[in-house]
Amino acid sequence: MTDQVPEAISAALADADAALARLDDALGRLSDGDLHRAHFDGGWTVAQVVSHINMCAILWLGDLKRIEHDPELSFIFREEVGHDLTGYPPPTIEIARRQLASTRRSLATAGGAVGADVLSRVVEIPDLGTMTVEEWSPLIIGHASGHVEQAFEIMRNREFAPEGV
């Protein structure tokens, strides 16, 4: 394992934690019904966005373990980093908040626990490019936490956003 988390990954993890904390706070002020409302123009519900954030983070952590144990692995499908993927949309605010807490804890405990040998590995993700794991990590962590704003946009569009969102 690496003793020091690269600065870009550390910053991405800190930004993700702050964004997910903001979303958790907002969810705590919503009703279960609000969780299942989508933008007026269609698309995902807030519950589906929460699920997507969780799936992206958990899949990336699994990908890191796969890379660590498979020296020949150099290609990861987009779906294997959570692209366009939702899991189980949480049915209640309580479960949605628990899912966010689980995601935050997983990123905090495992997101930076990557050895230098894995960080230097080059991996291709179709249509996205070829980079080292160290270069991919902030992007993928940022992708997951970037969906927080999508959840807030749904809340604002449907006029149930808590004050300050």
C-alpha atoms as a PDB file:
ATOM      1  CA  MET A   1       0.000   0.000   0.000  1.00  0.00           C
ATOM      2  CA  THR A   2       1.021   3.569  -0.506  1.00  0.00           C
ATOM      3  CA  ASP A   3       1.960   5.546   2.582  1.00  0.00           C
ATOM      4  CA  GLN A   4       1.043   8.842   1.004  1.00  0.00           C
ATOM      5  CA  VAL A   5      -2.067   9.448  -1.067  1.00  0.00           C
ATOM      6  CA  PRO A   6      -1.267  11.486  -4.204  1.00  0.00           C
ATOM      7  CA  GLU A   7      -2.460  15.084  -3.845  1.00  0.00           C
ATOM      8  CA  ALA A   8      -4.957  14.920  -6.736  1.00  0.00           C
ATOM      9  CA  ILE A   9      -6.605  11.810  -5.283  1.00  0.00           C
ATOM     10  CA  SER A  10      -6.611  13.258  -1.770  1.00  0.00           C
ATOM     11  CA  ALA A  11      -8.242  16.455  -3.056  1.00  0.00           C
ATOM     12  CA  ALA A  12     -10.848  14.485  -5.047  1.00  0.00           C
ATOM     13  CA  LEU A  13     -11.699  12.414  -1.981  1.00  0.00           C
ATOM     14  CA  ALA A  14     -12.037  15.546   0.188  1.00  0.00           C
ATOM     15  CA  ASP A  15     -14.209  17.268  -2.437  1.00  0.00           C
ATOM     16  CA  ALA A  16     -16.374  14.151  -2.781  1.00  0.00           C
ATOM     17  CA  ASP A  17     -16.838  13.896   0.970  1.00  0.00           C
ATOM     18  CA  ALA A  18     -17.885  17.557   1.201  1.00  0.00           C
ATOM     19  CA  ALA A  19     -20.326  17.218  -1.719  1.00  0.00           C
ATOM     20  CA  LEU A  20     -21.829  14.015  -0.343  1.00  0.00           C
ATOM     21  CA  ALA A  21     -22.196  15.656   3.088  1.00  0.00           C
ATOM     22  CA  ARG A  22     -24.143  18.519   1.447  1.00  0.00           C
ATOM     23  CA  LEU A  23     -26.396  16.014  -0.297  1.00  0.00           C
ATOM     24  CA  ASP A  24     -26.923  14.083   2.932  1.00  0.00           C
ATOM     25  CA  ASP A  25     -27.902  17.299   4.700  1.00  0.00           C
ATOM     26  CA  ALA A  26     -30.385  18.150   1.938  1.00  0.00           C
ATOM     27  CA  LEU A  27     -31.856  14.649   1.969  1.00  0.00           C
ATOM     28  CA  GLY A  28     -32.424  14.968   5.694  1.00  0.00           C
ATOM     29  CA  ARG A  29     -34.853  17.794   4.942  1.00  0.00           C
ATOM     30  CA  LEU A  30     -36.882  15.960   2.253  1.00  0.00           C
ATOM     31  CA  SER A  31     -39.778  13.533   2.327  1.00  0.00           C
ATOM     32  CA  ASP A  32     -39.683   9.985   1.021  1.00  0.00           C
ATOM     33  CA  GLY A  33     -41.959  11.077  -1.829  1.00  0.00           C
ATOM     34  CA  ASP A  34     -39.522  13.800  -2.914  1.00  0.00           C
ATOM     35  CA  LEU A  35     -36.820  11.170  -3.256  1.00  0.00           C
ATOM     36  CA  HIS A  36     -38.701   9.615  -6.174  1.00  0.00           C
ATOM     37  CA  ARG A  37     -39.346  12.734  -8.220  1.00  0.00           C
ATOM     38  CA  ALA A  38     -37.430  13.354 -11.427  1.00  0.00           C
ATOM     39  CA  HIS A  39     -36.700  16.585 -13.281  1.00  0.00           C
ATOM     40  CA  PHE A  40     -39.711  17.845 -15.249  1.00  0.00           C
ATOM     41  CA  ASP A  41     -37.749  17.149 -18.433  1.00  0.00           C
ATOM     42  CA  GLY A  42     -37.343  13.490 -17.439  1.00  0.00           C
ATOM     43  CA  GLY A  43     -34.308  11.559 -16.398  1.00  0.00           C
ATOM     44  CA  TRP A  44     -33.326  10.043 -13.111  1.00  0.00           C
ATOM     45  CA  THR A  45     -35.005  10.575  -9.770  1.00  0.00           C
ATOM     46  CA  VAL A  46     -33.067  11.784  -6.744  1.00  0.00           C
ATOM     47  CA  ALA A  47     -33.111   8.164  -5.494  1.00  0.00           C
ATOM     48  CA  GLN A  48     -31.550   6.960  -8.752  1.00  0.00           C
ATOM     49  CA  VAL A  49     -28.859   9.652  -8.549  1.00  0.00           C
ATOM     50  CA  VAL A  50     -27.993   8.543  -5.007  1.00  0.00           C
ATOM     51  CA  SER A  51     -27.800   4.943  -6.225  1.00  0.00           C
ATOM     52  CA  HIS A  52     -25.576   5.951  -9.169  1.00  0.00           C
ATOM     53  CA  ILE A  53     -23.177   7.812  -6.900  1.00  0.00           C
ATOM     54  CA  ASN A  54     -22.896   4.720  -4.710  1.00  0.00           C
ATOM     55  CA  MET A  55     -22.430   2.340  -7.638  1.00  0.00           C
ATOM     56  CA  CYS A  56     -19.710   4.497  -9.251  1.00  0.00           C
ATOM     57  CA  ALA A  57     -17.712   4.679  -6.038  1.00  0.00           C
ATOM     58  CA  ILE A  58     -18.062   1.010  -5.121  1.00  0.00           C
ATOM     59  CA  LEU A  59     -17.293  -0.201  -8.637  1.00  0.00           C
ATOM     60  CA  TRP A  60     -14.142   1.947  -8.841  1.00  0.00           C
ATOM     61  CA  LEU A  61     -12.930   0.547  -5.529  1.00  0.00           C
ATOM     62  CA  GLY A  62     -13.588  -2.951  -6.884  1.00  0.00           C
ATOM     63  CA  ASP A  63     -11.736  -2.067 -10.077  1.00  0.00           C
ATOM     64  CA  LEU A  64      -8.733  -1.011  -8.009  1.00  0.00           C
ATOM     65  CA  LYS A  65      -8.707  -4.395  -6.307  1.00  0.00           C
ATOM     66  CA  ARG A  66      -8.997  -6.150  -9.680  1.00  0.00           C
ATOM     67  CA  ILE A  67      -6.056  -4.139 -11.046  1.00  0.00           C
ATOM     68  CA  GLU A  68      -4.035  -4.910  -7.935  1.00  0.00           C
ATOM     69  CA  HIS A  69      -4.497  -8.670  -8.332  1.00  0.00           C
ATOM     70  CA  ASP A  70      -4.496  -9.041 -12.124  1.00  0.00           C
ATOM     71  CA  PRO A  71      -1.197  -7.851 -13.635  1.00  0.00           C
ATOM     72  CA  GLU A  72      -2.569  -8.282 -17.170  1.00  0.00           C
ATOM     73  CA  LEU A  73      -5.713  -6.186 -16.670  1.00  0.00           C
ATOM     74  CA  SER A  74      -5.435  -3.062 -18.808  1.00  0.00           C
ATOM     75  CA  PHE A  75      -9.006  -2.559 -20.050  1.00  0.00           C
ATOM     76  CA  ILE A  76     -12.086  -1.654 -18.012  1.00  0.00           C
ATOM     77  CA  PHE A  77     -15.528  -1.384 -19.565  1.00  0.00           C
ATOM     78  CA  ARG A  78     -17.422   1.840 -18.951  1.00  0.00           C
ATOM     79  CA  GLU A  79     -20.095  -0.103 -17.071  1.00  0.00           C
ATOM     80  CA  GLU A  80     -17.367  -1.328 -14.717  1.00  0.00           C
ATOM     81  CA  VAL A  81     -16.845   2.248 -13.510  1.00  0.00           C
ATOM     82  CA  GLY A  82     -20.596   2.784 -13.171  1.00  0.00           C
ATOM     83  CA  HIS A  83     -21.287   4.586 -16.452  1.00  0.00           C
ATOM     84  CA  ASP A  84     -25.082   4.901 -16.914  1.00  0.00           C
ATOM     85  CA  LEU A  85     -25.601   2.485 -14.044  1.00  0.00           C
ATOM     86  CA  THR A  86     -28.022   2.636 -11.179  1.00  0.00           C
ATOM     87  CA  GLY A  87     -28.509  -0.008  -8.590  1.00  0.00           C
ATOM     88  CA  TYR A  88     -31.380  -0.278  -6.163  1.00  0.00           C
ATOM     89  CA  PRO A  89     -32.961   3.193  -5.830  1.00  0.00           C
ATOM     90  CA  PRO A  90     -33.389   3.656  -2.086  1.00  0.00           C
ATOM     91  CA  PRO A  91     -37.113   3.718  -1.226  1.00  0.00           C
ATOM     92  CA  THR A  92     -36.828   6.002   1.808  1.00  0.00           C
ATOM     93  CA  ILE A  93     -34.797   9.003   2.907  1.00  0.00           C
ATOM     94  CA  GLU A  94     -33.405   6.926   5.775  1.00  0.00           C
ATOM     95  CA  ILE A  95     -32.015   4.290   3.399  1.00  0.00           C
ATOM     96  CA  ALA A  96     -30.755   6.932   0.946  1.00  0.00           C
ATOM     97  CA  ARG A  97     -28.841   8.639   3.751  1.00  0.00           C
ATOM     98  CA  ARG A  98     -27.422   5.309   4.911  1.00  0.00           C
ATOM     99  CA  GLN A  99     -26.325   4.595   1.324  1.00  0.00           C
ATOM    100  CA  LEU A 100     -24.544   7.963   1.155  1.00  0.00           C
ATOM    101  CA  ALA A 101     -22.912   7.310   4.531  1.00  0.00           C
ATOM    102  CA  SER A 102     -21.692   3.941   3.264  1.00  0.00           C
ATOM    103  CA  THR A 103     -20.305   5.550   0.107  1.00  0.00           C
ATOM    104  CA  ARG A 104     -18.531   8.254   2.102  1.00  0.00           C
ATOM    105  CA  ARG A 105     -17.027   5.703   4.481  1.00  0.00           C
ATOM    106  CA  SER A 106     -15.879   3.440   1.644  1.00  0.00           C
ATOM    107  CA  LEU A 107     -14.207   6.308  -0.184  1.00  0.00           C
ATOM    108  CA  ALA A 108     -12.595   7.575   3.027  1.00  0.00           C
ATOM    109  CA  THR A 109     -11.238   4.195   4.075  1.00  0.00           C
ATOM    110  CA  ALA A 110     -10.364   2.631   0.714  1.00  0.00           C
ATOM    111  CA  GLY A 111     -10.202   5.442  -1.851  1.00  0.00           C
ATOM    112  CA  GLY A 112      -6.639   6.397  -1.025  1.00  0.00           C
ATOM    113  CA  ALA A 113      -5.410   2.956   0.026  1.00  0.00           C
ATOM    114  CA  VAL A 114      -3.800   2.165  -3.299  1.00  0.00           C
ATOM    115  CA  GLY A 115      -0.237   0.990  -3.764  1.00  0.00           C
ATOM    116  CA  ALA A 116       2.225   2.746  -6.028  1.00  0.00           C
ATOM    117  CA  ASP A 117       2.309  -0.312  -8.289  1.00  0.00           C
ATOM    118  CA  VAL A 118      -1.449   0.020  -8.921  1.00  0.00           C
ATOM    119  CA  LEU A 119      -1.351   3.817  -9.239  1.00  0.00           C
ATOM    120  CA  SER A 120       1.224   3.534 -12.032  1.00  0.00           C
ATOM    121  CA  ARG A 121      -0.741   0.959 -14.029  1.00  0.00           C
ATOM    122  CA  VAL A 122      -2.124   2.129 -17.376  1.00  0.00           C
ATOM    123  CA  VAL A 123      -5.790   1.316 -17.998  1.00  0.00           C
ATOM    124  CA  GLU A 124      -8.024   1.976 -20.992  1.00  0.00           C
ATOM    125  CA  ILE A 125     -11.703   2.809 -20.608  1.00  0.00           C
ATOM    126  CA  PRO A 126     -13.496   2.774 -23.993  1.00  0.00           C
ATOM    127  CA  ASP A 127     -14.463   6.167 -25.387  1.00  0.00           C
ATOM    128  CA  LEU A 128     -12.811   7.872 -22.413  1.00  0.00           C
ATOM    129  CA  GLY A 129      -9.134   7.199 -22.917  1.00  0.00           C
ATOM    130  CA  THR A 130      -6.016   5.534 -21.590  1.00  0.00           C
ATOM    131  CA  MET A 131      -4.340   6.808 -18.434  1.00  0.00           C
ATOM    132  CA  THR A 132      -2.711   5.610 -15.262  1.00  0.00           C
ATOM    133  CA  VAL A 133      -4.856   4.659 -12.286  1.00  0.00           C
ATOM    134  CA  GLU A 134      -3.451   7.715 -10.514  1.00  0.00           C
ATOM    135  CA  GLU A 135      -4.787   9.908 -13.339  1.00  0.00           C
ATOM    136  CA  TRP A 136      -8.140   8.097 -13.536  1.00  0.00           C
ATOM    137  CA  SER A 137      -8.871   8.153  -9.792  1.00  0.00           C
ATOM    138  CA  PRO A 138      -9.636  11.882  -9.338  1.00  0.00           C
ATOM    139  CA  LEU A 139     -11.756  11.858 -12.493  1.00  0.00           C
ATOM    140  CA  ILE A 140     -13.859   8.892 -11.453  1.00  0.00           C
ATOM    141  CA  ILE A 141     -14.226  10.061  -7.856  1.00  0.00           C
ATOM    142  CA  GLY A 142     -15.145  13.503  -9.213  1.00  0.00           C
ATOM    143  CA  HIS A 143     -17.665  11.969 -11.591  1.00  0.00           C
ATOM    144  CA  ALA A 144     -19.455  10.257  -8.730  1.00  0.00           C
ATOM    145  CA  SER A 145     -19.526  13.329  -6.506  1.00  0.00           C
ATOM    146  CA  GLY A 146     -20.388  15.569  -9.468  1.00  0.00           C
ATOM    147  CA  HIS A 147     -23.808  13.946  -9.537  1.00  0.00           C
ATOM    148  CA  VAL A 148     -24.622  15.711  -6.273  1.00  0.00           C
ATOM    149  CA  GLU A 149     -25.377  18.812  -8.335  1.00  0.00           C
ATOM    150  CA  GLN A 150     -27.686  16.706 -10.537  1.00  0.00           C
ATOM    151  CA  ALA A 151     -29.694  15.749  -7.442  1.00  0.00           C
ATOM    152  CA  PHE A 152     -29.856  19.405  -6.386  1.00  0.00           C
ATOM    153  CA  GLU A 153     -31.005  20.436  -9.880  1.00  0.00           C
ATOM    154  CA  ILE A 154     -33.871  17.926  -9.670  1.00  0.00           C
ATOM    155  CA  MET A 155     -34.829  19.348  -6.276  1.00  0.00           C
ATOM    156  CA  ARG A 156     -34.748  22.933  -7.580  1.00  0.00           C
ATOM    157  CA  ASN A 157     -36.625  22.047 -10.764  1.00  0.00           C
ATOM    158  CA  ARG A 158     -39.409  20.329  -8.854  1.00  0.00           C
ATOM    159  CA  GLU A 159     -39.402  23.099  -6.202  1.00  0.00           C
ATOM    160  CA  PHE A 160     -38.656  20.939  -3.197  1.00  0.00           C
ATOM    161  CA  ALA A 161     -35.029  21.919  -2.657  1.00  0.00           C
ATOM    162  CA  PRO A 162     -34.219  22.737   0.944  1.00  0.00           C
ATOM    163  CA  GLU A 163     -33.153  26.319   1.565  1.00  0.00           C
ATOM    164  CA  GLY A 164     -29.548  26.911   0.551  1.00  0.00           C
ATOM    165  CA  VAL A 165     -29.462  24.192  -2.130  1.00  0.00           C
END
